[in-house]
């Protein structure tokens, strides 16, 4: 029940206060989306529900893609679990690959979507 209340609060309040950061495009938008995803304890099912709320409030494609891809790959829980359960080389590779996919690949996809 508390999770549902926190999700509802995140859906309504966060986009209002962080709008100056959500609307940025290009590499900066992708980087901010990844940083926002890093702080959220959401899996893909929760981040995909939050994305339309951000889009209604004017979030850029770069931010949305980076957040939706980065939330399950880079949240604090998955990083801690990777470091605790995987051998060190695999954990570091997983984290670095998550950053590359979340920031660089989503930036390229958003640029391709814009037609640049």
PDB file of N, CA and C in Angstrom:
ATOM      1  N   UNK A   1       0.823  -1.189   0.000  1.00  0.00           N
ATOM      2  CA  UNK A   1       0.000   0.000   0.000  1.00  0.00           C
ATOM      3  C   UNK A   1       0.872   1.259   0.000  1.00  0.00           C
ATOM      4  N   UNK A   2       1.936   1.226   0.776  1.00  0.00           N
ATOM      5  CA  UNK A   2       2.829   2.393   0.808  1.00  0.00           C
ATOM      6  C   UNK A   2       3.484   2.601  -0.547  1.00  0.00           C
ATOM      7  N   UNK A   3       3.834   1.512  -1.239  1.00  0.00           N
ATOM      8  CA  UNK A   3       4.428   1.616  -2.565  1.00  0.00           C
ATOM      9  C   UNK A   3       3.506   2.293  -3.559  1.00  0.00           C
ATOM     10  N   UNK A   4       2.223   1.971  -3.493  1.00  0.00           N
ATOM     11  CA  UNK A   4       1.245   2.595  -4.380  1.00  0.00           C
ATOM     12  C   UNK A   4       1.132   4.082  -4.082  1.00  0.00           C
ATOM     13  N   UNK A   5       1.129   4.452  -2.818  1.00  0.00           N
ATOM     14  CA  UNK A   5       1.060   5.868  -2.452  1.00  0.00           C
ATOM     15  C   UNK A   5       2.302   6.625  -2.901  1.00  0.00           C
ATOM     16  N   UNK A   6       3.464   6.031  -2.728  1.00  0.00           N
ATOM     17  CA  UNK A   6       4.710   6.682  -3.159  1.00  0.00           C
ATOM     18  C   UNK A   6       4.736   6.824  -4.678  1.00  0.00           C
ATOM     19  N   UNK A   7       4.287   5.798  -5.396  1.00  0.00           N
ATOM     20  CA  UNK A   7       4.231   5.882  -6.861  1.00  0.00           C
ATOM     21  C   UNK A   7       3.275   6.981  -7.312  1.00  0.00           C
ATOM     22  N   UNK A   8       2.123   7.078  -6.674  1.00  0.00           N
ATOM     23  CA  UNK A   8       1.181   8.143  -7.010  1.00  0.00           C
ATOM     24  C   UNK A   8       1.762   9.517  -6.741  1.00  0.00           C
ATOM     25  N   UNK A   9       2.480   9.639  -5.646  1.00  0.00           N
ATOM     26  CA  UNK A   9       3.134  10.905  -5.338  1.00  0.00           C
ATOM     27  C   UNK A   9       4.209  11.225  -6.368  1.00  0.00           C
ATOM     28  N   UNK A  10       4.972  10.221  -6.758  1.00  0.00           N
ATOM     29  CA  UNK A  10       6.014  10.421  -7.773  1.00  0.00           C
ATOM     30  C   UNK A  10       5.399  10.811  -9.114  1.00  0.00           C
ATOM     31  N   UNK A  11       4.265  10.224  -9.451  1.00  0.00           N
ATOM     32  CA  UNK A  11       3.616  10.533 -10.722  1.00  0.00           C
ATOM     33  C   UNK A  11       3.083  11.959 -10.776  1.00  0.00           C
ATOM     34  N   UNK A  12       2.672  12.495  -9.656  1.00  0.00           N
ATOM     35  CA  UNK A  12       2.053  13.817  -9.677  1.00  0.00           C
ATOM     36  C   UNK A  12       2.989  14.949  -9.277  1.00  0.00           C
ATOM     37  N   UNK A  13       3.843  14.737  -8.308  1.00  0.00           N
ATOM     38  CA  UNK A  13       4.655  15.822  -7.769  1.00  0.00           C
ATOM     39  C   UNK A  13       5.997  15.991  -8.481  1.00  0.00           C
ATOM     40  N   UNK A  14       6.708  14.895  -8.723  1.00  0.00           N
ATOM     41  CA  UNK A  14       8.050  14.996  -9.295  1.00  0.00           C
ATOM     42  C   UNK A  14       8.101  15.713 -10.637  1.00  0.00           C
ATOM     43  N   UNK A  15       7.198  15.420 -11.588  1.00  0.00           N
ATOM     44  CA  UNK A  15       7.275  16.135 -12.863  1.00  0.00           C
ATOM     45  C   UNK A  15       7.090  17.648 -12.733  1.00  0.00           C
ATOM     46  N   UNK A  16       6.373  18.100 -11.740  1.00  0.00           N
ATOM     47  CA  UNK A  16       6.154  19.539 -11.573  1.00  0.00           C
ATOM     48  C   UNK A  16       7.437  20.245 -11.153  1.00  0.00           C
ATOM     49  N   UNK A  17       8.143  19.693 -10.174  1.00  0.00           N
ATOM     50  CA  UNK A  17       9.319  20.356  -9.631  1.00  0.00           C
ATOM     51  C   UNK A  17      10.579  20.169 -10.466  1.00  0.00           C
ATOM     52  N   UNK A  18      10.644  19.088 -11.206  1.00  0.00           N
ATOM     53  CA  UNK A  18      11.844  18.811 -11.989  1.00  0.00           C
ATOM     54  C   UNK A  18      11.680  19.102 -13.475  1.00  0.00           C
ATOM     55  N   UNK A  19      10.649  19.817 -13.877  1.00  0.00           N
ATOM     56  CA  UNK A  19      10.392  20.077 -15.290  1.00  0.00           C
ATOM     57  C   UNK A  19      11.563  20.759 -16.008  1.00  0.00           C
ATOM     58  N   UNK A  20      12.277  21.701 -15.405  1.00  0.00           N
ATOM     59  CA  UNK A  20      13.410  22.289 -16.138  1.00  0.00           C
ATOM     60  C   UNK A  20      14.466  21.267 -16.553  1.00  0.00           C
ATOM     61  N   UNK A  21      14.548  20.173 -15.836  1.00  0.00           N
ATOM     62  CA  UNK A  21      15.528  19.141 -16.169  1.00  0.00           C
ATOM     63  C   UNK A  21      14.953  18.120 -17.150  1.00  0.00           C
ATOM     64  N   UNK A  22      13.651  17.915 -17.137  1.00  0.00           N
ATOM     65  CA  UNK A  22      13.009  16.924 -17.994  1.00  0.00           C
ATOM     66  C   UNK A  22      12.958  17.350 -19.448  1.00  0.00           C
ATOM     67  N   UNK A  23      12.944  18.630 -19.715  1.00  0.00           N
ATOM     68  CA  UNK A  23      12.739  19.114 -21.074  1.00  0.00           C
ATOM     69  C   UNK A  23      14.027  19.238 -21.876  1.00  0.00           C
ATOM     70  N   UNK A  24      15.154  19.001 -21.281  1.00  0.00           N
ATOM     71  CA  UNK A  24      16.425  19.136 -22.002  1.00  0.00           C
ATOM     72  C   UNK A  24      16.575  18.030 -23.034  1.00  0.00           C
ATOM     73  N   UNK A  25      17.151  18.392 -24.165  1.00  0.00           N
ATOM     74  CA  UNK A  25      17.341  17.426 -25.243  1.00  0.00           C
ATOM     75  C   UNK A  25      18.828  17.124 -25.403  1.00  0.00           C
ATOM     76  N   UNK A  26      19.136  16.235 -26.312  1.00  0.00           N
ATOM     77  CA  UNK A  26      20.523  15.894 -26.605  1.00  0.00           C
ATOM     78  C   UNK A  26      21.149  15.048 -25.505  1.00  0.00           C
ATOM     79  N   UNK A  27      22.470  15.097 -25.487  1.00  0.00           N
ATOM     80  CA  UNK A  27      23.219  14.293 -24.524  1.00  0.00           C
ATOM     81  C   UNK A  27      22.877  14.672 -23.090  1.00  0.00           C
ATOM     82  N   UNK A  28      22.653  15.945 -22.835  1.00  0.00           N
ATOM     83  CA  UNK A  28      22.316  16.404 -21.480  1.00  0.00           C
ATOM     84  C   UNK A  28      21.001  15.788 -21.012  1.00  0.00           C
ATOM     85  N   UNK A  29      20.014  15.727 -21.884  1.00  0.00           N
ATOM     86  CA  UNK A  29      18.739  15.109 -21.525  1.00  0.00           C
ATOM     87  C   UNK A  29      18.892  13.634 -21.204  1.00  0.00           C
ATOM     88  N   UNK A  30      19.706  12.935 -21.997  1.00  0.00           N
ATOM     89  CA  UNK A  30      19.940  11.510 -21.731  1.00  0.00           C
ATOM     90  C   UNK A  30      20.694  11.314 -20.421  1.00  0.00           C
ATOM     91  N   UNK A  31      21.664  12.163 -20.161  1.00  0.00           N
ATOM     92  CA  UNK A  31      22.436  12.055 -18.919  1.00  0.00           C
ATOM     93  C   UNK A  31      21.555  12.344 -17.707  1.00  0.00           C
ATOM     94  N   UNK A  32      20.703  13.354 -17.797  1.00  0.00           N
ATOM     95  CA  UNK A  32      19.801  13.666 -16.682  1.00  0.00           C
ATOM     96  C   UNK A  32      18.768  12.562 -16.474  1.00  0.00           C
ATOM     97  N   UNK A  33      18.299  11.950 -17.538  1.00  0.00           N
ATOM     98  CA  UNK A  33      17.384  10.818 -17.409  1.00  0.00           C
ATOM     99  C   UNK A  33      18.048   9.641 -16.707  1.00  0.00           C
ATOM    100  N   UNK A  34      19.320   9.392 -17.043  1.00  0.00           N
ATOM    101  CA  UNK A  34      20.058   8.311 -16.385  1.00  0.00           C
ATOM    102  C   UNK A  34      20.289   8.621 -14.910  1.00  0.00           C
ATOM    103  N   UNK A  35      20.623   9.856 -14.601  1.00  0.00           N
ATOM    104  CA  UNK A  35      20.826  10.229 -13.200  1.00  0.00           C
ATOM    105  C   UNK A  35      19.528  10.135 -12.405  1.00  0.00           C
ATOM    106  N   UNK A  36      18.416  10.525 -13.020  1.00  0.00           N
ATOM    107  CA  UNK A  36      17.128  10.412 -12.344  1.00  0.00           C
ATOM    108  C   UNK A  36      16.758   8.953 -12.136  1.00  0.00           C
ATOM    109  N   UNK A  37      17.060   8.102 -13.109  1.00  0.00           N
ATOM    110  CA  UNK A  37      16.778   6.671 -12.982  1.00  0.00           C
ATOM    111  C   UNK A  37      17.648   6.026 -11.913  1.00  0.00           C
ATOM    112  N   UNK A  38      18.851   6.523 -11.750  1.00  0.00           N
ATOM    113  CA  UNK A  38      19.771   5.971 -10.757  1.00  0.00           C
ATOM    114  C   UNK A  38      19.213   6.109  -9.348  1.00  0.00           C
ATOM    115  N   UNK A  39      18.507   7.177  -9.099  1.00  0.00           N
ATOM    116  CA  UNK A  39      17.988   7.448  -7.758  1.00  0.00           C
ATOM    117  C   UNK A  39      16.666   6.756  -7.462  1.00  0.00           C
ATOM    118  N   UNK A  40      15.995   6.241  -8.488  1.00  0.00           N
ATOM    119  CA  UNK A  40      14.672   5.656  -8.299  1.00  0.00           C
ATOM    120  C   UNK A  40      14.774   4.150  -8.058  1.00  0.00           C
ATOM    121  N   UNK A  41      13.999   3.612  -7.150  1.00  0.00           N
ATOM    122  CA  UNK A  41      14.008   2.164  -6.922  1.00  0.00           C
ATOM    123  C   UNK A  41      12.973   1.446  -7.786  1.00  0.00           C
ATOM    124  N   UNK A  42      12.875   1.822  -9.059  1.00  0.00           N
ATOM    125  CA  UNK A  42      11.817   1.294  -9.913  1.00  0.00           C
ATOM    126  C   UNK A  42      12.353   0.254 -10.884  1.00  0.00           C
ATOM    127  N   UNK A  43      11.523  -0.729 -11.161  1.00  0.00           N
ATOM    128  CA  UNK A  43      11.824  -1.694 -12.213  1.00  0.00           C
ATOM    129  C   UNK A  43      11.191  -1.168 -13.504  1.00  0.00           C
ATOM    130  N   UNK A  44      11.240  -1.960 -14.553  1.00  0.00           N
ATOM    131  CA  UNK A  44      10.699  -1.498 -15.826  1.00  0.00           C
ATOM    132  C   UNK A  44       9.188  -1.324 -15.784  1.00  0.00           C
ATOM    133  N   UNK A  45       8.486  -2.122 -14.977  1.00  0.00           N
ATOM    134  CA  UNK A  45       7.032  -1.987 -14.927  1.00  0.00           C
ATOM    135  C   UNK A  45       6.620  -0.668 -14.265  1.00  0.00           C
ATOM    136  N   UNK A  46       7.389  -0.186 -13.333  1.00  0.00           N
ATOM    137  CA  UNK A  46       7.063   1.091 -12.693  1.00  0.00           C
ATOM    138  C   UNK A  46       7.531   2.281 -13.530  1.00  0.00           C
ATOM    139  N   UNK A  47       8.715   2.185 -14.138  1.00  0.00           N
ATOM    140  CA  UNK A  47       9.215   3.314 -14.926  1.00  0.00           C
ATOM    141  C   UNK A  47       8.402   3.503 -16.196  1.00  0.00           C
ATOM    142  N   UNK A  48       7.889   2.422 -16.778  1.00  0.00           N
ATOM    143  CA  UNK A  48       7.071   2.569 -17.982  1.00  0.00           C
ATOM    144  C   UNK A  48       5.722   3.209 -17.663  1.00  0.00           C
ATOM    145  N   UNK A  49       5.253   3.093 -16.446  1.00  0.00           N
ATOM    146  CA  UNK A  49       4.013   3.758 -16.038  1.00  0.00           C
ATOM    147  C   UNK A  49       4.263   5.239 -15.777  1.00  0.00           C
ATOM    148  N   UNK A  50       5.456   5.571 -15.302  1.00  0.00           N
ATOM    149  CA  UNK A  50       5.777   6.973 -15.026  1.00  0.00           C
ATOM    150  C   UNK A  50       6.070   7.767 -16.299  1.00  0.00           C
ATOM    151  N   UNK A  51       6.539   7.111 -17.352  1.00  0.00           N
ATOM    152  CA  UNK A  51       6.926   7.803 -18.582  1.00  0.00           C
ATOM    153  C   UNK A  51       5.798   8.619 -19.214  1.00  0.00           C
ATOM    154  N   UNK A  52       4.575   8.094 -19.327  1.00  0.00           N
ATOM    155  CA  UNK A  52       3.509   8.932 -19.897  1.00  0.00           C
ATOM    156  C   UNK A  52       3.220  10.186 -19.073  1.00  0.00           C
ATOM    157  N   UNK A  53       3.380  10.090 -17.766  1.00  0.00           N
ATOM    158  CA  UNK A  53       3.177  11.267 -16.926  1.00  0.00           C
ATOM    159  C   UNK A  53       4.233  12.327 -17.218  1.00  0.00           C
ATOM    160  N   UNK A  54       5.469  11.893 -17.384  1.00  0.00           N
ATOM    161  CA  UNK A  54       6.524  12.837 -17.750  1.00  0.00           C
ATOM    162  C   UNK A  54       6.271  13.419 -19.138  1.00  0.00           C
ATOM    163  N   UNK A  55       5.821  12.590 -20.071  1.00  0.00           N
ATOM    164  CA  UNK A  55       5.560  13.065 -21.431  1.00  0.00           C
ATOM    165  C   UNK A  55       4.436  14.098 -21.446  1.00  0.00           C
ATOM    166  N   UNK A  56       3.398  13.881 -20.664  1.00  0.00           N
ATOM    167  CA  UNK A  56       2.307  14.862 -20.584  1.00  0.00           C
ATOM    168  C   UNK A  56       2.790  16.193 -20.041  1.00  0.00           C
ATOM    169  N   UNK A  57       3.816  16.160 -19.225  1.00  0.00           N
ATOM    170  CA  UNK A  57       4.354  17.390 -18.647  1.00  0.00           C
ATOM    171  C   UNK A  57       5.474  17.995 -19.499  1.00  0.00           C
ATOM    172  N   UNK A  58       5.722  17.421 -20.682  1.00  0.00           N
ATOM    173  CA  UNK A  58       6.656  18.027 -21.627  1.00  0.00           C
ATOM    174  C   UNK A  58       8.075  17.498 -21.586  1.00  0.00           C
ATOM    175  N   UNK A  59       8.301  16.311 -21.061  1.00  0.00           N
ATOM    176  CA  UNK A  59       9.660  15.760 -21.012  1.00  0.00           C
ATOM    177  C   UNK A  59      10.151  15.450 -22.413  1.00  0.00           C
ATOM    178  N   UNK A  60      11.449  15.585 -22.608  1.00  0.00           N
ATOM    179  CA  UNK A  60      12.041  15.311 -23.916  1.00  0.00           C
ATOM    180  C   UNK A  60      12.129  13.811 -24.158  1.00  0.00           C
ATOM    181  N   UNK A  61      12.280  13.457 -25.419  1.00  0.00           N
ATOM    182  CA  UNK A  61      12.440  12.054 -25.784  1.00  0.00           C
ATOM    183  C   UNK A  61      13.721  11.488 -25.197  1.00  0.00           C
ATOM    184  N   UNK A  62      14.776  12.291 -25.169  1.00  0.00           N
ATOM    185  CA  UNK A  62      16.040  11.834 -24.593  1.00  0.00           C
ATOM    186  C   UNK A  62      15.862  11.447 -23.129  1.00  0.00           C
ATOM    187  N   UNK A  63      15.205  12.298 -22.373  1.00  0.00           N
ATOM    188  CA  UNK A  63      14.992  12.020 -20.954  1.00  0.00           C
ATOM    189  C   UNK A  63      14.125  10.787 -20.768  1.00  0.00           C
ATOM    190  N   UNK A  64      13.031  10.693 -21.518  1.00  0.00           N
ATOM    191  CA  UNK A  64      12.110   9.570 -21.360  1.00  0.00           C
ATOM    192  C   UNK A  64      12.775   8.235 -21.672  1.00  0.00           C
ATOM    193  N   UNK A  65      13.465   8.166 -22.804  1.00  0.00           N
ATOM    194  CA  UNK A  65      14.129   6.916 -23.167  1.00  0.00           C
ATOM    195  C   UNK A  65      15.183   6.528 -22.142  1.00  0.00           C
ATOM    196  N   UNK A  66      15.964   7.496 -21.735  1.00  0.00           N
ATOM    197  CA  UNK A  66      17.024   7.216 -20.772  1.00  0.00           C
ATOM    198  C   UNK A  66      16.458   6.779 -19.432  1.00  0.00           C
ATOM    199  N   UNK A  67      15.374   7.384 -19.010  1.00  0.00           N
ATOM    200  CA  UNK A  67      14.765   7.003 -17.741  1.00  0.00           C
ATOM    201  C   UNK A  67      14.171   5.605 -17.803  1.00  0.00           C
ATOM    202  N   UNK A  68      13.430   5.315 -18.867  1.00  0.00           N
ATOM    203  CA  UNK A  68      12.763   4.013 -18.970  1.00  0.00           C
ATOM    204  C   UNK A  68      13.787   2.882 -19.113  1.00  0.00           C
ATOM    205  N   UNK A  69      14.849   3.119 -19.858  1.00  0.00           N
ATOM    206  CA  UNK A  69      15.881   2.090 -20.022  1.00  0.00           C
ATOM    207  C   UNK A  69      16.760   2.005 -18.776  1.00  0.00           C
ATOM    208  N   UNK A  70      17.062   3.142 -18.191  1.00  0.00           N
ATOM    209  CA  UNK A  70      17.993   3.166 -17.070  1.00  0.00           C
ATOM    210  C   UNK A  70      17.421   2.750 -15.737  1.00  0.00           C
ATOM    211  N   UNK A  71      16.123   2.906 -15.537  1.00  0.00           N
ATOM    212  CA  UNK A  71      15.541   2.568 -14.232  1.00  0.00           C
ATOM    213  C   UNK A  71      15.763   1.113 -13.849  1.00  0.00           C
ATOM    214  N   UNK A  72      15.511   0.154 -14.724  1.00  0.00           N
ATOM    215  CA  UNK A  72      15.784  -1.229 -14.299  1.00  0.00           C
ATOM    216  C   UNK A  72      17.261  -1.603 -14.346  1.00  0.00           C
ATOM    217  N   UNK A  73      18.063  -0.879 -15.136  1.00  0.00           N
ATOM    218  CA  UNK A  73      19.474  -1.248 -15.292  1.00  0.00           C
ATOM    219  C   UNK A  73      20.388  -0.586 -14.273  1.00  0.00           C
ATOM    220  N   UNK A  74      20.029   0.631 -13.845  1.00  0.00           N
ATOM    221  CA  UNK A  74      20.954   1.421 -13.041  1.00  0.00           C
ATOM    222  C   UNK A  74      20.442   1.816 -11.669  1.00  0.00           C
ATOM    223  N   UNK A  75      19.293   1.318 -11.257  1.00  0.00           N
ATOM    224  CA  UNK A  75      18.848   1.758  -9.937  1.00  0.00           C
ATOM    225  C   UNK A  75      19.762   1.182  -8.856  1.00  0.00           C
ATOM    226  N   UNK A  76      19.701   1.777  -7.722  1.00  0.00           N
ATOM    227  CA  UNK A  76      20.628   1.450  -6.641  1.00  0.00           C
ATOM    228  C   UNK A  76      20.545  -0.027  -6.256  1.00  0.00           C
ATOM    229  N   UNK A  77      19.359  -0.576  -6.249  1.00  0.00           N
ATOM    230  CA  UNK A  77      19.183  -1.973  -5.856  1.00  0.00           C
ATOM    231  C   UNK A  77      19.912  -2.916  -6.808  1.00  0.00           C
ATOM    232  N   UNK A  78      19.773  -2.712  -8.099  1.00  0.00           N
ATOM    233  CA  UNK A  78      20.428  -3.612  -9.047  1.00  0.00           C
ATOM    234  C   UNK A  78      21.942  -3.473  -9.012  1.00  0.00           C
ATOM    235  N   UNK A  79      22.429  -2.269  -8.774  1.00  0.00           N
ATOM    236  CA  UNK A  79      23.884  -2.087  -8.676  1.00  0.00           C
ATOM    237  C   UNK A  79      24.429  -2.796  -7.443  1.00  0.00           C
ATOM    238  N   UNK A  80      23.758  -2.655  -6.317  1.00  0.00           N
ATOM    239  CA  UNK A  80      24.203  -3.324  -5.091  1.00  0.00           C
ATOM    240  C   UNK A  80      24.138  -4.838  -5.254  1.00  0.00           C
ATOM    241  N   UNK A  81      23.049  -5.339  -5.841  1.00  0.00           N
ATOM    242  CA  UNK A  81      22.928  -6.781  -6.057  1.00  0.00           C
ATOM    243  C   UNK A  81      23.994  -7.293  -7.018  1.00  0.00           C
ATOM    244  N   UNK A  82      24.292  -6.537  -8.067  1.00  0.00           N
ATOM    245  CA  UNK A  82      25.332  -6.957  -9.005  1.00  0.00           C
ATOM    246  C   UNK A  82      26.682  -7.031  -8.299  1.00  0.00           C
ATOM    247  N   UNK A  83      26.993  -6.045  -7.489  1.00  0.00           N
ATOM    248  CA  UNK A  83      28.270  -6.050  -6.776  1.00  0.00           C
ATOM    249  C   UNK A  83      28.336  -7.148  -5.726  1.00  0.00           C
ATOM    250  N   UNK A  84      27.204  -7.478  -5.128  1.00  0.00           N
ATOM    251  CA  UNK A  84      27.196  -8.495  -4.070  1.00  0.00           C
ATOM    252  C   UNK A  84      27.159  -9.915  -4.618  1.00  0.00           C
ATOM    253  N   UNK A  85      26.472 -10.135  -5.735  1.00  0.00           N
ATOM    254  CA  UNK A  85      26.240 -11.495  -6.196  1.00  0.00           C
ATOM    255  C   UNK A  85      27.111 -11.937  -7.370  1.00  0.00           C
ATOM    256  N   UNK A  86      27.556 -11.003  -8.162  1.00  0.00           N
ATOM    257  CA  UNK A  86      28.363 -11.365  -9.327  1.00  0.00           C
ATOM    258  C   UNK A  86      29.849 -11.249  -9.014  1.00  0.00           C
ATOM    259  N   UNK A  87      30.658 -12.000  -9.722  1.00  0.00           N
ATOM    260  CA  UNK A  87      32.103 -11.774  -9.596  1.00  0.00           C
ATOM    261  C   UNK A  87      32.439 -10.349 -10.056  1.00  0.00           C
ATOM    262  N   UNK A  88      33.476  -9.775  -9.509  1.00  0.00           N
ATOM    263  CA  UNK A  88      33.811  -8.362  -9.738  1.00  0.00           C
ATOM    264  C   UNK A  88      33.894  -7.983 -11.213  1.00  0.00           C
ATOM    265  N   UNK A  89      34.566  -8.751 -12.085  1.00  0.00           N
ATOM    266  CA  UNK A  89      34.620  -8.331 -13.493  1.00  0.00           C
ATOM    267  C   UNK A  89      33.242  -8.273 -14.156  1.00  0.00           C
ATOM    268  N   UNK A  90      32.378  -9.234 -13.829  1.00  0.00           N
ATOM    269  CA  UNK A  90      31.040  -9.239 -14.406  1.00  0.00           C
ATOM    270  C   UNK A  90      30.199  -8.089 -13.860  1.00  0.00           C
ATOM    271  N   UNK A  91      30.337  -7.795 -12.593  1.00  0.00           N
ATOM    272  CA  UNK A  91      29.570  -6.699 -11.994  1.00  0.00           C
ATOM    273  C   UNK A  91      29.967  -5.362 -12.614  1.00  0.00           C
ATOM    274  N   UNK A  92      31.258  -5.137 -12.753  1.00  0.00           N
ATOM    275  CA  UNK A  92      31.727  -3.873 -13.345  1.00  0.00           C
ATOM    276  C   UNK A  92      31.297  -3.787 -14.809  1.00  0.00           C
ATOM    277  N   UNK A  93      31.397  -4.897 -15.530  1.00  0.00           N
ATOM    278  CA  UNK A  93      30.969  -4.905 -16.930  1.00  0.00           C
ATOM    279  C   UNK A  93      29.479  -4.606 -17.047  1.00  0.00           C
ATOM    280  N   UNK A  94      28.681  -5.163 -16.171  1.00  0.00           N
ATOM    281  CA  UNK A  94      27.246  -4.921 -16.195  1.00  0.00           C
ATOM    282  C   UNK A  94      26.917  -3.465 -15.922  1.00  0.00           C
ATOM    283  N   UNK A  95      27.598  -2.877 -14.958  1.00  0.00           N
ATOM    284  CA  UNK A  95      27.343  -1.477 -14.615  1.00  0.00           C
ATOM    285  C   UNK A  95      27.789  -0.546 -15.739  1.00  0.00           C
ATOM    286  N   UNK A  96      28.968  -0.776 -16.285  1.00  0.00           N
ATOM    287  CA  UNK A  96      29.473   0.063 -17.386  1.00  0.00           C
ATOM    288  C   UNK A  96      28.588  -0.087 -18.622  1.00  0.00           C
ATOM    289  N   UNK A  97      28.201  -1.310 -18.940  1.00  0.00           N
ATOM    290  CA  UNK A  97      27.313  -1.525 -20.086  1.00  0.00           C
ATOM    291  C   UNK A  97      25.956  -0.853 -19.852  1.00  0.00           C
ATOM    292  N   UNK A  98      25.470  -0.874 -18.626  1.00  0.00           N
ATOM    293  CA  UNK A  98      24.218  -0.194 -18.316  1.00  0.00           C
ATOM    294  C   UNK A  98      24.302   1.306 -18.529  1.00  0.00           C
ATOM    295  N   UNK A  99      25.419   1.888 -18.142  1.00  0.00           N
ATOM    296  CA  UNK A  99      25.620   3.335 -18.347  1.00  0.00           C
ATOM    297  C   UNK A  99      25.705   3.653 -19.834  1.00  0.00           C
ATOM    298  N   UNK A 100      26.448   2.843 -20.583  1.00  0.00           N
ATOM    299  CA  UNK A 100      26.599   3.080 -22.022  1.00  0.00           C
ATOM    300  C   UNK A 100      25.255   2.972 -22.735  1.00  0.00           C
ATOM    301  N   UNK A 101      24.507   1.930 -22.439  1.00  0.00           N
ATOM    302  CA  UNK A 101      23.203   1.757 -23.084  1.00  0.00           C
ATOM    303  C   UNK A 101      22.246   2.869 -22.665  1.00  0.00           C
ATOM    304  N   UNK A 102      22.250   3.197 -21.388  1.00  0.00           N
ATOM    305  CA  UNK A 102      21.307   4.195 -20.885  1.00  0.00           C
ATOM    306  C   UNK A 102      21.590   5.590 -21.425  1.00  0.00           C
ATOM    307  N   UNK A 103      22.837   5.967 -21.520  1.00  0.00           N
ATOM    308  CA  UNK A 103      23.152   7.336 -21.941  1.00  0.00           C
ATOM    309  C   UNK A 103      23.404   7.416 -23.448  1.00  0.00           C
ATOM    310  N   UNK A 104      24.349   6.651 -23.935  1.00  0.00           N
ATOM    311  CA  UNK A 104      24.759   6.810 -25.331  1.00  0.00           C
ATOM    312  C   UNK A 104      23.752   6.234 -26.329  1.00  0.00           C
ATOM    313  N   UNK A 105      23.293   5.027 -26.090  1.00  0.00           N
ATOM    314  CA  UNK A 105      22.371   4.407 -27.050  1.00  0.00           C
ATOM    315  C   UNK A 105      21.043   5.159 -27.089  1.00  0.00           C
ATOM    316  N   UNK A 106      20.526   5.553 -25.943  1.00  0.00           N
ATOM    317  CA  UNK A 106      19.260   6.296 -25.960  1.00  0.00           C
ATOM    318  C   UNK A 106      19.426   7.668 -26.611  1.00  0.00           C
ATOM    319  N   UNK A 107      20.593   8.266 -26.481  1.00  0.00           N
ATOM    320  CA  UNK A 107      20.862   9.549 -27.147  1.00  0.00           C
ATOM    321  C   UNK A 107      20.854   9.369 -28.667  1.00  0.00           C
ATOM    322  N   UNK A 108      21.474   8.301 -29.148  1.00  0.00           N
ATOM    323  CA  UNK A 108      21.496   8.016 -30.589  1.00  0.00           C
ATOM    324  C   UNK A 108      20.095   7.699 -31.097  1.00  0.00           C
ATOM    325  N   UNK A 109      19.328   6.925 -30.350  1.00  0.00           N
ATOM    326  CA  UNK A 109      17.969   6.576 -30.766  1.00  0.00           C
ATOM    327  C   UNK A 109      17.080   7.822 -30.799  1.00  0.00           C
ATOM    328  N   UNK A 110      17.193   8.678 -29.808  1.00  0.00           N
ATOM    329  CA  UNK A 110      16.396   9.909 -29.789  1.00  0.00           C
ATOM    330  C   UNK A 110      16.791  10.830 -30.945  1.00  0.00           C
ATOM    331  N   UNK A 111      18.072  10.878 -31.267  1.00  0.00           N
ATOM    332  CA  UNK A 111      18.528  11.697 -32.394  1.00  0.00           C
ATOM    333  C   UNK A 111      17.985  11.129 -33.699  1.00  0.00           C
ATOM    334  N   UNK A 112      17.986   9.812 -33.848  1.00  0.00           N
ATOM    335  CA  UNK A 112      17.435   9.191 -35.040  1.00  0.00           C
ATOM    336  C   UNK A 112      15.929   9.427 -35.146  1.00  0.00           C
ATOM    337  N   UNK A 113      15.257   9.444 -34.022  1.00  0.00           N
ATOM    338  CA  UNK A 113      13.817   9.696 -34.018  1.00  0.00           C
ATOM    339  C   UNK A 113      13.502  11.124 -34.471  1.00  0.00           C
ATOM    340  N   UNK A 114      14.352  12.056 -34.109  1.00  0.00           N
ATOM    341  CA  UNK A 114      14.170  13.446 -34.523  1.00  0.00           C
ATOM    342  C   UNK A 114      14.536  13.659 -35.979  1.00  0.00           C
ATOM    343  N   UNK A 115      15.280  12.720 -36.579  1.00  0.00           N
ATOM    344  CA  UNK A 115      15.670  12.833 -37.981  1.00  0.00           C
ATOM    345  C   UNK A 115      16.960  13.585 -38.199  1.00  0.00           C
ATOM    346  N   UNK A 116      17.792  13.656 -37.199  1.00  0.00           N
ATOM    347  CA  UNK A 116      19.077  14.380 -37.354  1.00  0.00           C
ATOM    348  C   UNK A 116      20.152  13.477 -37.859  1.00  0.00           C
TER     349      UNK A 116
END
